[in-house]
C-alpha atoms as a PDB file:
ATOM      1  CA  MET A   1      93.737-172.375  39.066  1.00  0.00           C
ATOM      2  CA  LEU A   2      91.336-170.810  36.586  1.00  0.00           C
ATOM      3  CA  ARG A   3      88.727-168.504  38.043  1.00  0.00           C
ATOM      4  CA  ASP A   4      85.065-168.251  37.222  1.00  0.00           C
ATOM      5  CA  PRO A   5      84.927-165.145  34.995  1.00  0.00           C
ATOM      6  CA  LEU A   6      81.567-164.112  36.413  1.00  0.00           C
ATOM      7  CA  ILE A   7      83.035-163.868  39.909  1.00  0.00           C
ATOM      8  CA  VAL A   8      85.704-161.482  38.670  1.00  0.00           C
ATOM      9  CA  VAL A   9      83.149-159.474  36.700  1.00  0.00           C
ATOM     10  CA  ALA A  10      81.038-159.096  39.827  1.00  0.00           C
ATOM     11  CA  ALA A  11      84.107-158.038  41.814  1.00  0.00           C
ATOM     12  CA  ALA A  12      85.052-155.389  39.252  1.00  0.00           C
ATOM     13  CA  LEU A  13      81.501-154.080  39.043  1.00  0.00           C
ATOM     14  CA  ALA A  14      81.219-153.926  42.812  1.00  0.00           C
ATOM     15  CA  ALA A  15      84.383-151.815  42.900  1.00  0.00           C
ATOM     16  CA  GLY A  16      82.940-149.325  40.413  1.00  0.00           C
ATOM     17  CA  ALA A  17      83.576-150.705  36.928  1.00  0.00           C
ATOM     18  CA  ARG A  18      81.108-149.120  34.531  1.00  0.00           C
ATOM     19  CA  LEU A  19      81.681-151.081  31.349  1.00  0.00           C
ATOM     20  CA  ILE A  20      82.405-154.758  30.727  1.00  0.00           C
ATOM     21  CA  GLN A  21      83.565-156.213  27.429  1.00  0.00           C
ATOM     22  CA  VAL A  22      82.728-159.859  26.820  1.00  0.00           C
ATOM     23  CA  ARG A  23      85.528-161.551  24.892  1.00  0.00           C
ATOM     24  CA  PRO A  24      84.609-165.175  24.108  1.00  0.00           C
ATOM     25  CA  GLU A  25      87.617-167.301  23.271  1.00  0.00           C
ATOM     26  CA  ASP A  26      88.002-168.321  19.643  1.00  0.00           C
ATOM     27  CA  HIS A  27      87.018-171.900  20.421  1.00  0.00           C
ATOM     28  CA  TYR A  28      83.695-170.822  21.928  1.00  0.00           C
ATOM     29  CA  ASN A  29      80.815-171.768  19.657  1.00  0.00           C
ATOM     30  CA  ASP A  30      77.956-169.312  19.338  1.00  0.00           C
ATOM     31  CA  ARG A  31      75.912-171.000  22.069  1.00  0.00           C
ATOM     32  CA  ALA A  32      78.772-170.820  24.563  1.00  0.00           C
ATOM     33  CA  ALA A  33      79.428-167.195  23.626  1.00  0.00           C
ATOM     34  CA  PHE A  34      75.727-166.397  23.956  1.00  0.00           C
ATOM     35  CA  ASP A  35      75.477-167.999  27.400  1.00  0.00           C
ATOM     36  CA  LEU A  36      78.543-166.110  28.652  1.00  0.00           C
ATOM     37  CA  ALA A  37      77.379-162.791  27.227  1.00  0.00           C
ATOM     38  CA  THR A  38      73.885-163.269  28.655  1.00  0.00           C
ATOM     39  CA  ALA A  39      75.282-163.827  32.133  1.00  0.00           C
ATOM     40  CA  VAL A  40      77.636-160.847  31.935  1.00  0.00           C
ATOM     41  CA  ALA A  41      74.911-158.585  30.551  1.00  0.00           C
ATOM     42  CA  ALA A  42      72.677-159.529  33.482  1.00  0.00           C
ATOM     43  CA  LEU A  43      75.412-158.566  35.947  1.00  0.00           C
ATOM     44  CA  CYS A  44      75.942-155.278  34.144  1.00  0.00           C
ATOM     45  CA  ASP A  45      72.232-154.535  34.364  1.00  0.00           C
ATOM     46  CA  GLU A  46      72.324-155.269  38.084  1.00  0.00           C
ATOM     47  CA  TYR A  47      75.097-152.732  38.628  1.00  0.00           C
ATOM     48  CA  GLY A  48      73.944-150.178  36.059  1.00  0.00           C
ATOM     49  CA  ALA A  49      77.011-150.745  33.880  1.00  0.00           C
ATOM     50  CA  LEU A  50      77.400-151.017  30.116  1.00  0.00           C
ATOM     51  CA  CYS A  51      78.098-154.314  28.349  1.00  0.00           C
ATOM     52  CA  LEU A  52      79.947-154.749  25.048  1.00  0.00           C
ATOM     53  CA  VAL A  53      80.660-157.933  23.097  1.00  0.00           C
ATOM     54  CA  ASN A  54      83.992-158.382  21.342  1.00  0.00           C
ATOM     55  CA  ASP A  55      83.927-159.265  17.613  1.00  0.00           C
ATOM     56  CA  ARG A  56      80.589-161.075  17.442  1.00  0.00           C
ATOM     57  CA  VAL A  57      77.963-158.561  16.395  1.00  0.00           C
ATOM     58  CA  HIS A  58      75.181-161.147  16.248  1.00  0.00           C
ATOM     59  CA  ILE A  59      75.830-162.179  19.852  1.00  0.00           C
ATOM     60  CA  ALA A  60      75.658-158.535  20.931  1.00  0.00           C
ATOM     61  CA  GLN A  61      72.318-158.248  19.143  1.00  0.00           C
ATOM     62  CA  ALA A  62      70.992-161.468  20.631  1.00  0.00           C
ATOM     63  CA  VAL A  63      71.718-160.521  24.243  1.00  0.00           C
ATOM     64  CA  GLY A  64      70.778-156.859  23.873  1.00  0.00           C
ATOM     65  CA  ALA A  65      74.273-155.622  24.678  1.00  0.00           C
ATOM     66  CA  ASP A  66      75.073-151.919  24.562  1.00  0.00           C
ATOM     67  CA  GLY A  67      77.462-152.433  21.671  1.00  0.00           C
ATOM     68  CA  VAL A  68      80.504-154.203  20.259  1.00  0.00           C
ATOM     69  CA  HIS A  69      84.252-153.850  19.882  1.00  0.00           C
ATOM     70  CA  LEU A  70      85.593-154.652  16.426  1.00  0.00           C
ATOM     71  CA  GLY A  71      89.097-155.479  15.220  1.00  0.00           C
ATOM     72  CA  ALA A  72      90.617-155.331  11.760  1.00  0.00           C
ATOM     73  CA  GLU A  73      89.402-158.822  10.833  1.00  0.00           C
ATOM     74  CA  ASP A  74      85.872-158.368  12.158  1.00  0.00           C
ATOM     75  CA  LEU A  75      82.796-156.913  10.507  1.00  0.00           C
ATOM     76  CA  PRO A  76      83.643-153.388   9.267  1.00  0.00           C
ATOM     77  CA  ILE A  77      82.593-150.604  11.600  1.00  0.00           C
ATOM     78  CA  ASP A  78      80.330-148.943   9.053  1.00  0.00           C
ATOM     79  CA  ALA A  79      78.580-152.256   8.314  1.00  0.00           C
ATOM     80  CA  ALA A  80      78.000-152.859  12.018  1.00  0.00           C
ATOM     81  CA  ARG A  81      76.727-149.307  12.345  1.00  0.00           C
ATOM     82  CA  ARG A  82      74.106-150.017   9.656  1.00  0.00           C
ATOM     83  CA  ILE A  83      72.644-153.067  11.391  1.00  0.00           C
ATOM     84  CA  LEU A  84      72.926-152.171  15.073  1.00  0.00           C
ATOM     85  CA  PRO A  85      70.580-149.770  16.897  1.00  0.00           C
ATOM     86  CA  ALA A  86      71.495-146.129  16.394  1.00  0.00           C
ATOM     87  CA  ALA A  87      72.603-145.652  19.984  1.00  0.00           C
ATOM     88  CA  SER A  88      74.944-148.658  19.979  1.00  0.00           C
ATOM     89  CA  ILE A  89      78.531-148.217  21.145  1.00  0.00           C
ATOM     90  CA  ILE A  90      80.988-149.438  18.509  1.00  0.00           C
ATOM     91  CA  GLY A  91      84.639-149.584  19.410  1.00  0.00           C
ATOM     92  CA  GLY A  92      87.332-149.694  16.756  1.00  0.00           C
ATOM     93  CA  THR A  93      90.954-150.839  16.950  1.00  0.00           C
ATOM     94  CA  SER A  94      93.844-148.577  15.960  1.00  0.00           C
ATOM     95  CA  ARG A  95      97.586-148.118  16.469  1.00  0.00           C
ATOM     96  CA  ASP A  96      98.332-145.025  14.400  1.00  0.00           C
ATOM     97  CA  PRO A  97      96.685-141.723  13.413  1.00  0.00           C
ATOM     98  CA  GLU A  98      95.737-142.901   9.908  1.00  0.00           C
ATOM     99  CA  SER A  99      93.775-145.939  11.059  1.00  0.00           C
ATOM    100  CA  ALA A 100      92.261-143.886  13.872  1.00  0.00           C
ATOM    101  CA  ARG A 101      90.907-141.325  11.413  1.00  0.00           C
ATOM    102  CA  ALA A 102      89.534-144.119   9.213  1.00  0.00           C
ATOM    103  CA  ALA A 103      87.705-145.664  12.177  1.00  0.00           C
ATOM    104  CA  ARG A 104      86.325-142.248  13.084  1.00  0.00           C
ATOM    105  CA  ARG A 105      84.976-141.770   9.560  1.00  0.00           C
ATOM    106  CA  ALA A 106      83.437-145.257   9.642  1.00  0.00           C
ATOM    107  CA  GLY A 107      81.422-144.402  12.737  1.00  0.00           C
ATOM    108  CA  ALA A 108      83.410-145.668  15.732  1.00  0.00           C
ATOM    109  CA  THR A 109      82.305-144.451  19.146  1.00  0.00           C
ATOM    110  CA  TYR A 110      85.721-144.951  20.721  1.00  0.00           C
ATOM    111  CA  LEU A 111      89.103-146.474  19.840  1.00  0.00           C
ATOM    112  CA  GLY A 112      91.123-149.206  21.491  1.00  0.00           C
ATOM    113  CA  VAL A 113      94.751-148.207  20.841  1.00  0.00           C
ATOM    114  CA  GLY A 114      97.915-150.245  21.337  1.00  0.00           C
ATOM    115  CA  PRO A 115      99.501-152.337  22.503  1.00  0.00           C
ATOM    116  CA  VAL A 116     101.172-149.537  24.391  1.00  0.00           C
ATOM    117  CA  TRP A 117     103.414-152.002  26.235  1.00  0.00           C
ATOM    118  CA  GLY A 118     104.137-155.666  25.657  1.00  0.00           C
ATOM    119  CA  THR A 119     101.585-158.124  26.999  1.00  0.00           C
ATOM    120  CA  THR A 120     101.290-161.872  27.421  1.00  0.00           C
ATOM    121  CA  THR A 121      97.507-161.808  27.435  1.00  0.00           C
ATOM    122  CA  LYS A 122      97.237-162.248  23.684  1.00  0.00           C
ATOM    123  CA  THR A 123      99.737-163.687  21.218  1.00  0.00           C
ATOM    124  CA  GLY A 124     100.587-162.432  17.740  1.00  0.00           C
ATOM    125  CA  LEU A 125     100.310-158.749  18.555  1.00  0.00           C
ATOM    126  CA  PRO A 126     102.421-156.111  16.770  1.00  0.00           C
ATOM    127  CA  GLN A 127     105.232-154.262  18.483  1.00  0.00           C
ATOM    128  CA  PRO A 128     104.219-151.855  21.264  1.00  0.00           C
ATOM    129  CA  ILE A 129     103.608-148.267  20.181  1.00  0.00           C
ATOM    130  CA  GLY A 130     104.673-146.722  23.490  1.00  0.00           C
ATOM    131  CA  LEU A 131     103.327-143.573  25.089  1.00  0.00           C
ATOM    132  CA  ASP A 132     104.446-141.439  22.124  1.00  0.00           C
ATOM    133  CA  GLY A 133     102.412-143.574  19.729  1.00  0.00           C
ATOM    134  CA  LEU A 134      99.423-143.386  22.052  1.00  0.00           C
ATOM    135  CA  ALA A 135      99.700-139.611  22.273  1.00  0.00           C
ATOM    136  CA  ALA A 136      99.853-139.320  18.476  1.00  0.00           C
ATOM    137  CA  VAL A 137      96.536-141.123  18.107  1.00  0.00           C
ATOM    138  CA  CYS A 138      94.944-139.108  20.899  1.00  0.00           C
ATOM    139  CA  GLU A 139      95.905-135.901  19.089  1.00  0.00           C
ATOM    140  CA  ALA A 140      94.622-137.157  15.736  1.00  0.00           C
ATOM    141  CA  VAL A 141      90.962-137.829  16.576  1.00  0.00           C
ATOM    142  CA  ASP A 142      88.166-136.353  18.650  1.00  0.00           C
ATOM    143  CA  LEU A 143      87.113-139.753  20.011  1.00  0.00           C
ATOM    144  CA  PRO A 144      87.699-141.340  23.419  1.00  0.00           C
ATOM    145  CA  VAL A 145      90.935-143.338  23.158  1.00  0.00           C
ATOM    146  CA  ILE A 146      91.321-146.429  25.325  1.00  0.00           C
ATOM    147  CA  ALA A 147      94.923-147.538  25.814  1.00  0.00           C
ATOM    148  CA  ILE A 148      95.514-151.295  25.713  1.00  0.00           C
ATOM    149  CA  GLY A 149      98.407-153.636  26.353  1.00  0.00           C
ATOM    150  CA  GLY A 150     100.449-154.214  29.499  1.00  0.00           C
ATOM    151  CA  ILE A 151      98.432-151.822  31.625  1.00  0.00           C
ATOM    152  CA  THR A 152      99.020-151.531  35.368  1.00  0.00           C
ATOM    153  CA  ALA A 153      97.750-148.916  37.792  1.00  0.00           C
ATOM    154  CA  GLU A 154     100.994-146.950  37.467  1.00  0.00           C
ATOM    155  CA  ARG A 155     100.935-147.168  33.678  1.00  0.00           C
ATOM    156  CA  ALA A 156      97.251-146.240  33.603  1.00  0.00           C
ATOM    157  CA  ALA A 157      98.110-142.850  35.052  1.00  0.00           C
ATOM    158  CA  LEU A 158     100.801-142.371  32.383  1.00  0.00           C
ATOM    159  CA  CYS A 159      98.284-143.186  29.660  1.00  0.00           C
ATOM    160  CA  ARG A 160      95.915-140.577  30.995  1.00  0.00           C
ATOM    161  CA  GLU A 161      98.742-138.030  30.957  1.00  0.00           C
ATOM    162  CA  ALA A 162      99.385-138.949  27.306  1.00  0.00           C
ATOM    163  CA  GLY A 163      95.790-138.058  26.464  1.00  0.00           C
ATOM    164  CA  ALA A 164      93.981-141.404  26.730  1.00  0.00           C
ATOM    165  CA  HIS A 165      90.414-141.335  27.943  1.00  0.00           C
ATOM    166  CA  GLY A 166      90.854-144.655  29.694  1.00  0.00           C
ATOM    167  CA  VAL A 167      92.739-147.938  29.681  1.00  0.00           C
ATOM    168  CA  ALA A 168      91.881-151.540  28.837  1.00  0.00           C
ATOM    169  CA  VAL A 169      93.018-154.064  31.406  1.00  0.00           C
ATOM    170  CA  VAL A 170      93.243-157.845  31.479  1.00  0.00           C
ATOM    171  CA  GLY A 171      95.898-159.288  33.737  1.00  0.00           C
ATOM    172  CA  ALA A 172      95.977-156.432  36.249  1.00  0.00           C
ATOM    173  CA  ILE A 173      92.505-157.494  37.394  1.00  0.00           C
ATOM    174  CA  ALA A 174      92.119-161.090  36.206  1.00  0.00           C
ATOM    175  CA  SER A 175      95.363-162.240  37.787  1.00  0.00           C
ATOM    176  CA  ALA A 176      95.100-160.159  40.939  1.00  0.00           C
ATOM    177  CA  GLY A 177      94.695-161.846  44.295  1.00  0.00           C
ATOM    178  CA  ASP A 178      91.818-159.457  44.972  1.00  0.00           C
ATOM    179  CA  PRO A 179      90.137-158.313  41.716  1.00  0.00           C
ATOM    180  CA  ASN A 180      87.933-155.900  43.627  1.00  0.00           C
ATOM    181  CA  GLN A 181      90.905-154.088  45.148  1.00  0.00           C
ATOM    182  CA  ALA A 182      92.813-154.179  41.849  1.00  0.00           C
ATOM    183  CA  THR A 183      89.878-152.501  40.119  1.00  0.00           C
ATOM    184  CA  ALA A 184      89.702-149.860  42.841  1.00  0.00           C
ATOM    185  CA  GLU A 185      93.421-149.096  42.438  1.00  0.00           C
ATOM    186  CA  LEU A 186      93.042-148.715  38.675  1.00  0.00           C
ATOM    187  CA  LEU A 187      90.084-146.404  39.134  1.00  0.00           C
ATOM    188  CA  GLU A 188      92.057-144.237  41.513  1.00  0.00           C
ATOM    189  CA  ALA A 189      94.989-144.177  39.074  1.00  0.00           C
ATOM    190  CA  VAL A 190      92.807-142.627  36.361  1.00  0.00           C
ATOM    191  CA  GLY A 191      91.088-140.178  38.670  1.00  0.00           C
ATOM    192  CA  GLU A 192      87.884-141.984  39.547  1.00  0.00           C
ATOM    193  CA  SER A 193      86.457-142.840  42.929  1.00  0.00           C
ATOM    194  CA  PRO A 194      86.001-146.566  43.487  1.00  0.00           C
ATOM    195  CA  THR A 195      82.899-147.922  45.192  1.00  0.00           C
ATOM    196  CA  VAL A 196      83.428-148.798  48.832  1.00  0.00           C
ATOM    197  CA  THR A 197      82.386-152.441  49.058  1.00  0.00           C
ATOM    198  CA  ARG A 198      83.453-155.795  50.349  1.00  0.00           C
ATOM    199  CA  ALA A 199      86.293-157.470  48.476  1.00  0.00           C
ATOM    200  CA  ALA A 200      85.308-160.322  46.183  1.00  0.00           C
ATOM    201  CA  THR A 201      87.602-163.251  45.520  1.00  0.00           C
ATOM    202  CA  GLY A 202      87.987-165.691  42.672  1.00  0.00           C
ATOM    203  CA  GLY A 203      87.007-165.199  39.082  1.00  0.00           C
ATOM    204  CA  GLU A 204      88.763-164.789  35.788  1.00  0.00           C
ATOM    205  CA  ILE A 205      88.339-161.975  33.353  1.00  0.00           C
ATOM    206  CA  ALA A 206      89.845-161.255  30.009  1.00  0.00           C
ATOM    207  CA  ALA A 207      90.102-157.504  29.696  1.00  0.00           C
ATOM    208  CA  ALA A 208      89.058-154.346  31.400  1.00  0.00           C
ATOM    209  CA  SER A 209      89.462-150.677  30.825  1.00  0.00           C
ATOM    210  CA  VAL A 210      89.458-147.752  33.143  1.00  0.00           C
ATOM    211  CA  GLY A 211      89.065-144.059  32.544  1.00  0.00           C
ATOM    212  CA  PRO A 212      86.555-141.343  33.377  1.00  0.00           C
ATOM    213  CA  GLU A 213      82.972-142.408  34.103  1.00  0.00           C
ATOM    214  CA  ALA A 214      81.027-144.218  31.317  1.00  0.00           C
ATOM    215  CA  LEU A 215      81.042-143.739  27.555  1.00  0.00           C
ATOM    216  CA  PRO A 216      81.462-141.276  26.076  1.00  0.00           C
ATOM    217  CA  ASP A 217      83.208-140.694  29.399  1.00  0.00           C
ATOM    218  CA  ILE A 218      84.343-144.286  29.571  1.00  0.00           C
ATOM    219  CA  GLY A 219      85.003-145.586  33.027  1.00  0.00           C
ATOM    220  CA  ILE A 220      86.119-149.172  33.387  1.00  0.00           C
ATOM    221  CA  LEU A 221      85.976-151.277  30.323  1.00  0.00           C
ATOM    222  CA  ARG A 222      86.904-154.800  31.016  1.00  0.00           C
ATOM    223  CA  GLY A 223      86.448-157.857  28.918  1.00  0.00           C
ATOM    224  CA  VAL A 224      85.621-161.314  30.076  1.00  0.00           C
ATOM    225  CA  GLY A 225      86.001-164.652  28.379  1.00  0.00           C
ATOM    226  CA  ASP A 226      89.494-165.322  27.090  1.00  0.00           C
ATOM    227  CA  ALA A 227      92.736-164.901  28.976  1.00  0.00           C
END
C-alpha cells in the first residue's frame, strides 16, 4: 500500500530531520509539483527545517523553498545561482573528483555523491562507486558531501567514516514500518540526537539524507515525491 508522503515527512521531521528534499515524479505536471512542494514547505516551516526542490528551479522559486538539487540534465548550477536568491542552497550531483570540482566551481553548496551501493529506488543509475569512490570525492572538495544510494543506518556510519557529511536516504525511511523510528536510528548512526517524540505511522517519501545538523552542517536531507 502506498503511503501519503506528507505523513512520512511529518514523521521524519518529528524525529529530528532538518532538511527535506521534494522530488516530484517525472509524470507530475507543474501544478502537481507545486502543490506537493507547497505542502512540504509548510511542514518544514512548522518544524524549523529546510526545504529543497529536486530539479525544478521554478517550483522552488514559486514556493519559496530554501534551494534546489540539480542533476546533470537539469539547469546548470551556475545558471541557477544567477537567478535564485544569493542565500539559496544549491546541491550538485557528482560521482568522481573531477565532476565534484566542476560543481564546486559552478557554485554548488553541497554535493550528492553516488550511488555508493546499488539501489532499487531509481532505475538507470550507473554502477556503484563504493566507499573508496566516496572517499575520493570527499578528499577532492571542501564542500559537504552527501552519500546516496542503498543507504541504511549501518552504511550511514560507514559513509561518515569515509568523510561524508551526511547521507541521502529513500527506502530506509519510506519503506520502514515506523518512519519516525527509522529516522531516529539514522540520526544516531551519523552522530546526531533524534527528537524524542511519538512514533508516526504511514506515509511515503522519496529520499532523505542524514548527517550533522543543518546545511552547511547538513542534518537529515530527505526527498519526497517519487519512490
